């Protein structure tokens, strides 16, 4: 991606998301917790961890395949639990 993101924005997979947290009553700790929660939800920490080192295309493919299998198993587990098995 070319260019810099505006302040408070993060670029993940080509999508720019503006993250804004309001500090109420000068409570910075609460605002930091809210910011961390939003960043976690957006996947910023996971993306940073993945970008620390170069990942070979074959490794990326294997990781994504394993993630897909994990998601499918989790979905199947939830479906079975919902149906009462």
N, C-alpha and C. Protein backbone atom coordinates (compact mmCIF):
# COMPACT_ATOMS: atom_id res chain seq x y z
N UNK A 1 0.85 -1.17 0.00
CA UNK A 1 0.00 0.00 0.00
C UNK A 1 0.89 1.23 0.00
N UNK A 2 0.56 2.20 -0.80
CA UNK A 2 1.38 3.40 -0.87
C UNK A 2 0.75 4.50 -0.05
N UNK A 3 1.59 5.42 0.42
CA UNK A 3 1.09 6.54 1.20
C UNK A 3 0.96 6.18 2.67
N UNK A 4 0.83 7.21 3.46
CA UNK A 4 0.72 7.02 4.90
C UNK A 4 -0.74 7.10 5.32
N UNK A 5 -1.07 6.38 6.36
CA UNK A 5 -2.43 6.43 6.89
C UNK A 5 -2.58 7.68 7.75
N UNK A 6 -3.77 8.25 7.79
CA UNK A 6 -3.98 9.39 8.67
C UNK A 6 -3.82 8.98 10.13
N UNK A 7 -3.63 9.94 10.97
CA UNK A 7 -3.46 9.63 12.40
C UNK A 7 -4.66 8.86 12.92
N UNK A 8 -4.38 7.83 13.69
CA UNK A 8 -5.46 7.04 14.28
C UNK A 8 -6.03 5.99 13.36
N UNK A 9 -5.46 5.82 12.18
CA UNK A 9 -5.99 4.84 11.25
C UNK A 9 -5.03 3.67 11.14
N UNK A 10 -5.55 2.53 10.81
CA UNK A 10 -4.70 1.37 10.59
C UNK A 10 -5.08 0.77 9.25
N UNK A 11 -4.09 0.33 8.49
CA UNK A 11 -4.35 -0.27 7.19
C UNK A 11 -4.10 -1.77 7.29
N UNK A 12 -5.15 -2.54 7.19
CA UNK A 12 -5.04 -3.98 7.24
C UNK A 12 -5.72 -4.52 5.99
N UNK A 13 -4.97 -5.28 5.22
CA UNK A 13 -5.48 -5.89 4.00
C UNK A 13 -6.12 -4.86 3.07
N UNK A 14 -5.52 -3.67 2.98
CA UNK A 14 -5.98 -2.66 2.06
C UNK A 14 -7.20 -1.88 2.51
N UNK A 15 -7.72 -2.16 3.68
CA UNK A 15 -8.89 -1.46 4.19
C UNK A 15 -8.44 -0.51 5.29
N UNK A 16 -8.78 0.77 5.15
CA UNK A 16 -8.41 1.74 6.16
C UNK A 16 -9.57 1.89 7.15
N UNK A 17 -9.27 1.69 8.42
CA UNK A 17 -10.28 1.78 9.46
C UNK A 17 -9.83 2.84 10.46
N UNK A 18 -10.66 3.83 10.69
CA UNK A 18 -10.34 4.87 11.66
C UNK A 18 -10.81 4.38 13.03
N UNK A 19 -9.88 4.32 13.96
CA UNK A 19 -10.21 3.90 15.32
C UNK A 19 -10.20 5.14 16.20
N UNK A 20 -11.31 5.41 16.85
CA UNK A 20 -11.41 6.60 17.68
C UNK A 20 -11.91 6.21 19.06
N UNK A 21 -11.22 6.71 20.07
CA UNK A 21 -11.61 6.44 21.45
C UNK A 21 -11.74 7.78 22.16
N UNK A 22 -12.82 7.98 22.85
CA UNK A 22 -13.06 9.23 23.57
C UNK A 22 -12.64 9.06 25.02
N UNK A 23 -11.84 10.01 25.52
CA UNK A 23 -11.39 9.98 26.91
C UNK A 23 -12.40 10.77 27.73
N UNK A 24 -13.04 10.09 28.66
CA UNK A 24 -14.05 10.74 29.49
C UNK A 24 -13.51 10.96 30.89
N UNK A 25 -13.78 12.09 31.45
CA UNK A 25 -13.39 12.45 32.82
C UNK A 25 -11.89 12.26 33.05
N UNK A 26 -11.09 12.52 32.03
CA UNK A 26 -9.63 12.42 32.13
C UNK A 26 -9.18 11.00 32.53
N UNK A 27 -9.98 10.00 32.22
CA UNK A 27 -9.68 8.62 32.58
C UNK A 27 -8.96 7.95 31.41
N UNK A 28 -7.63 8.09 31.39
CA UNK A 28 -6.82 7.58 30.29
C UNK A 28 -6.75 6.05 30.34
N UNK A 29 -6.72 5.46 31.53
CA UNK A 29 -6.64 4.00 31.64
C UNK A 29 -7.83 3.33 30.98
N UNK A 30 -9.01 3.87 31.21
CA UNK A 30 -10.22 3.30 30.62
C UNK A 30 -10.18 3.46 29.10
N UNK A 31 -9.70 4.61 28.63
CA UNK A 31 -9.61 4.84 27.19
C UNK A 31 -8.59 3.88 26.55
N UNK A 32 -7.48 3.63 27.23
CA UNK A 32 -6.48 2.68 26.71
C UNK A 32 -7.06 1.27 26.60
N UNK A 33 -7.83 0.86 27.62
CA UNK A 33 -8.46 -0.46 27.58
C UNK A 33 -9.41 -0.56 26.40
N UNK A 34 -10.19 0.50 26.18
CA UNK A 34 -11.13 0.51 25.06
C UNK A 34 -10.39 0.46 23.73
N UNK A 35 -9.27 1.20 23.62
CA UNK A 35 -8.48 1.19 22.39
C UNK A 35 -7.90 -0.19 22.13
N UNK A 36 -7.35 -0.83 23.17
CA UNK A 36 -6.79 -2.17 23.00
C UNK A 36 -7.86 -3.16 22.56
N UNK A 37 -9.05 -3.05 23.13
CA UNK A 37 -10.14 -3.95 22.78
C UNK A 37 -10.54 -3.76 21.32
N UNK A 38 -10.61 -2.49 20.87
CA UNK A 38 -10.97 -2.23 19.48
C UNK A 38 -9.89 -2.74 18.53
N UNK A 39 -8.61 -2.54 18.90
CA UNK A 39 -7.52 -3.00 18.06
C UNK A 39 -7.50 -4.52 17.99
N UNK A 40 -7.81 -5.18 19.09
CA UNK A 40 -7.88 -6.64 19.12
C UNK A 40 -8.97 -7.12 18.18
N UNK A 41 -10.14 -6.45 18.24
CA UNK A 41 -11.26 -6.83 17.40
C UNK A 41 -10.94 -6.65 15.91
N UNK A 42 -10.19 -5.60 15.59
CA UNK A 42 -9.82 -5.32 14.20
C UNK A 42 -8.71 -6.23 13.71
N UNK A 43 -8.01 -6.91 14.60
CA UNK A 43 -6.94 -7.82 14.21
C UNK A 43 -5.60 -7.15 14.02
N UNK A 44 -5.40 -5.97 14.61
CA UNK A 44 -4.16 -5.22 14.45
C UNK A 44 -3.00 -5.96 15.10
N UNK A 45 -3.19 -6.47 16.30
CA UNK A 45 -2.10 -7.15 17.01
C UNK A 45 -1.68 -8.41 16.28
N UNK A 46 -2.63 -9.15 15.76
CA UNK A 46 -2.34 -10.38 15.03
C UNK A 46 -1.54 -10.05 13.76
N UNK A 47 -1.97 -8.99 13.07
CA UNK A 47 -1.29 -8.57 11.86
C UNK A 47 0.15 -8.13 12.15
N UNK A 48 0.34 -7.40 13.25
CA UNK A 48 1.69 -6.96 13.63
C UNK A 48 2.58 -8.17 13.92
N UNK A 49 2.03 -9.16 14.62
CA UNK A 49 2.80 -10.35 14.95
C UNK A 49 3.20 -11.10 13.68
N UNK A 50 2.28 -11.19 12.72
CA UNK A 50 2.59 -11.90 11.48
C UNK A 50 3.63 -11.16 10.65
N UNK A 51 3.67 -9.85 10.73
CA UNK A 51 4.58 -9.06 9.91
C UNK A 51 5.95 -8.85 10.55
N UNK A 52 6.19 -9.39 11.72
CA UNK A 52 7.50 -9.24 12.35
C UNK A 52 8.60 -9.87 11.52
N UNK A 53 8.29 -11.03 10.94
CA UNK A 53 9.26 -11.75 10.12
C UNK A 53 8.61 -12.09 8.79
N UNK A 54 9.45 -12.22 7.76
CA UNK A 54 8.94 -12.60 6.45
C UNK A 54 8.40 -14.02 6.50
N UNK A 55 7.25 -14.20 5.89
CA UNK A 55 6.63 -15.52 5.83
C UNK A 55 6.65 -15.99 4.38
N UNK A 56 7.28 -17.12 4.16
CA UNK A 56 7.35 -17.65 2.79
C UNK A 56 5.93 -17.95 2.30
N UNK A 57 5.71 -17.82 0.99
CA UNK A 57 4.38 -18.11 0.45
C UNK A 57 3.88 -19.51 0.79
N UNK A 58 4.79 -20.50 0.82
CA UNK A 58 4.36 -21.86 1.16
C UNK A 58 3.93 -21.94 2.62
N UNK A 59 4.65 -21.21 3.50
CA UNK A 59 4.27 -21.19 4.92
C UNK A 59 2.93 -20.48 5.11
N UNK A 60 2.73 -19.40 4.37
CA UNK A 60 1.48 -18.65 4.46
C UNK A 60 0.30 -19.52 4.03
N UNK A 61 0.51 -20.26 2.94
CA UNK A 61 -0.53 -21.14 2.42
C UNK A 61 -0.87 -22.23 3.44
N UNK A 62 0.15 -22.81 4.06
CA UNK A 62 -0.06 -23.86 5.05
C UNK A 62 -0.77 -23.30 6.28
N UNK A 63 -0.37 -22.10 6.71
CA UNK A 63 -1.00 -21.46 7.88
C UNK A 63 -2.47 -21.17 7.60
N UNK A 64 -2.74 -20.60 6.42
CA UNK A 64 -4.13 -20.27 6.09
C UNK A 64 -4.98 -21.52 5.97
N UNK A 65 -4.41 -22.61 5.44
CA UNK A 65 -5.15 -23.87 5.34
C UNK A 65 -5.47 -24.40 6.74
N UNK A 66 -4.48 -24.34 7.64
CA UNK A 66 -4.70 -24.81 9.01
C UNK A 66 -5.76 -23.96 9.71
N UNK A 67 -5.73 -22.63 9.48
CA UNK A 67 -6.73 -21.75 10.09
C UNK A 67 -8.12 -22.09 9.58
N UNK A 68 -8.24 -22.37 8.27
CA UNK A 68 -9.53 -22.73 7.70
C UNK A 68 -10.07 -24.02 8.30
N UNK A 69 -9.18 -25.00 8.49
CA UNK A 69 -9.58 -26.27 9.09
C UNK A 69 -10.05 -26.05 10.52
N UNK A 70 -9.30 -25.21 11.26
CA UNK A 70 -9.68 -24.90 12.65
C UNK A 70 -11.05 -24.22 12.71
N UNK A 71 -11.28 -23.26 11.80
CA UNK A 71 -12.58 -22.57 11.76
C UNK A 71 -13.70 -23.55 11.46
N UNK A 72 -13.48 -24.45 10.50
CA UNK A 72 -14.51 -25.42 10.12
C UNK A 72 -14.84 -26.35 11.27
N UNK A 73 -13.79 -26.82 11.98
CA UNK A 73 -14.03 -27.70 13.13
C UNK A 73 -14.79 -26.99 14.24
N UNK A 74 -14.44 -25.73 14.47
CA UNK A 74 -15.11 -24.95 15.51
C UNK A 74 -16.58 -24.76 15.15
N UNK A 75 -16.85 -24.45 13.86
CA UNK A 75 -18.22 -24.28 13.41
C UNK A 75 -19.00 -25.58 13.56
N UNK A 76 -18.38 -26.70 13.20
CA UNK A 76 -19.03 -28.01 13.32
C UNK A 76 -19.32 -28.33 14.79
N UNK A 77 -18.34 -28.02 15.67
CA UNK A 77 -18.53 -28.25 17.11
C UNK A 77 -19.71 -27.44 17.64
N UNK A 78 -19.79 -26.17 17.24
CA UNK A 78 -20.89 -25.33 17.71
C UNK A 78 -22.22 -25.83 17.17
N UNK A 79 -22.24 -26.26 15.91
CA UNK A 79 -23.47 -26.76 15.32
C UNK A 79 -23.94 -28.02 16.03
N UNK A 80 -22.99 -28.92 16.33
CA UNK A 80 -23.34 -30.16 17.03
C UNK A 80 -23.86 -29.87 18.44
N UNK A 81 -23.23 -28.90 19.09
CA UNK A 81 -23.66 -28.54 20.44
C UNK A 81 -25.07 -27.96 20.42
N UNK A 82 -25.34 -27.14 19.40
CA UNK A 82 -26.67 -26.51 19.27
C UNK A 82 -27.74 -27.55 19.01
N UNK A 83 -27.40 -28.58 18.23
CA UNK A 83 -28.37 -29.61 17.90
C UNK A 83 -28.50 -30.67 18.98
N UNK A 84 -27.63 -30.64 19.98
CA UNK A 84 -27.76 -31.55 21.12
C UNK A 84 -27.08 -32.89 20.96
N UNK A 85 -26.02 -32.98 20.22
CA UNK A 85 -25.31 -34.25 20.07
C UNK A 85 -24.27 -34.41 21.13
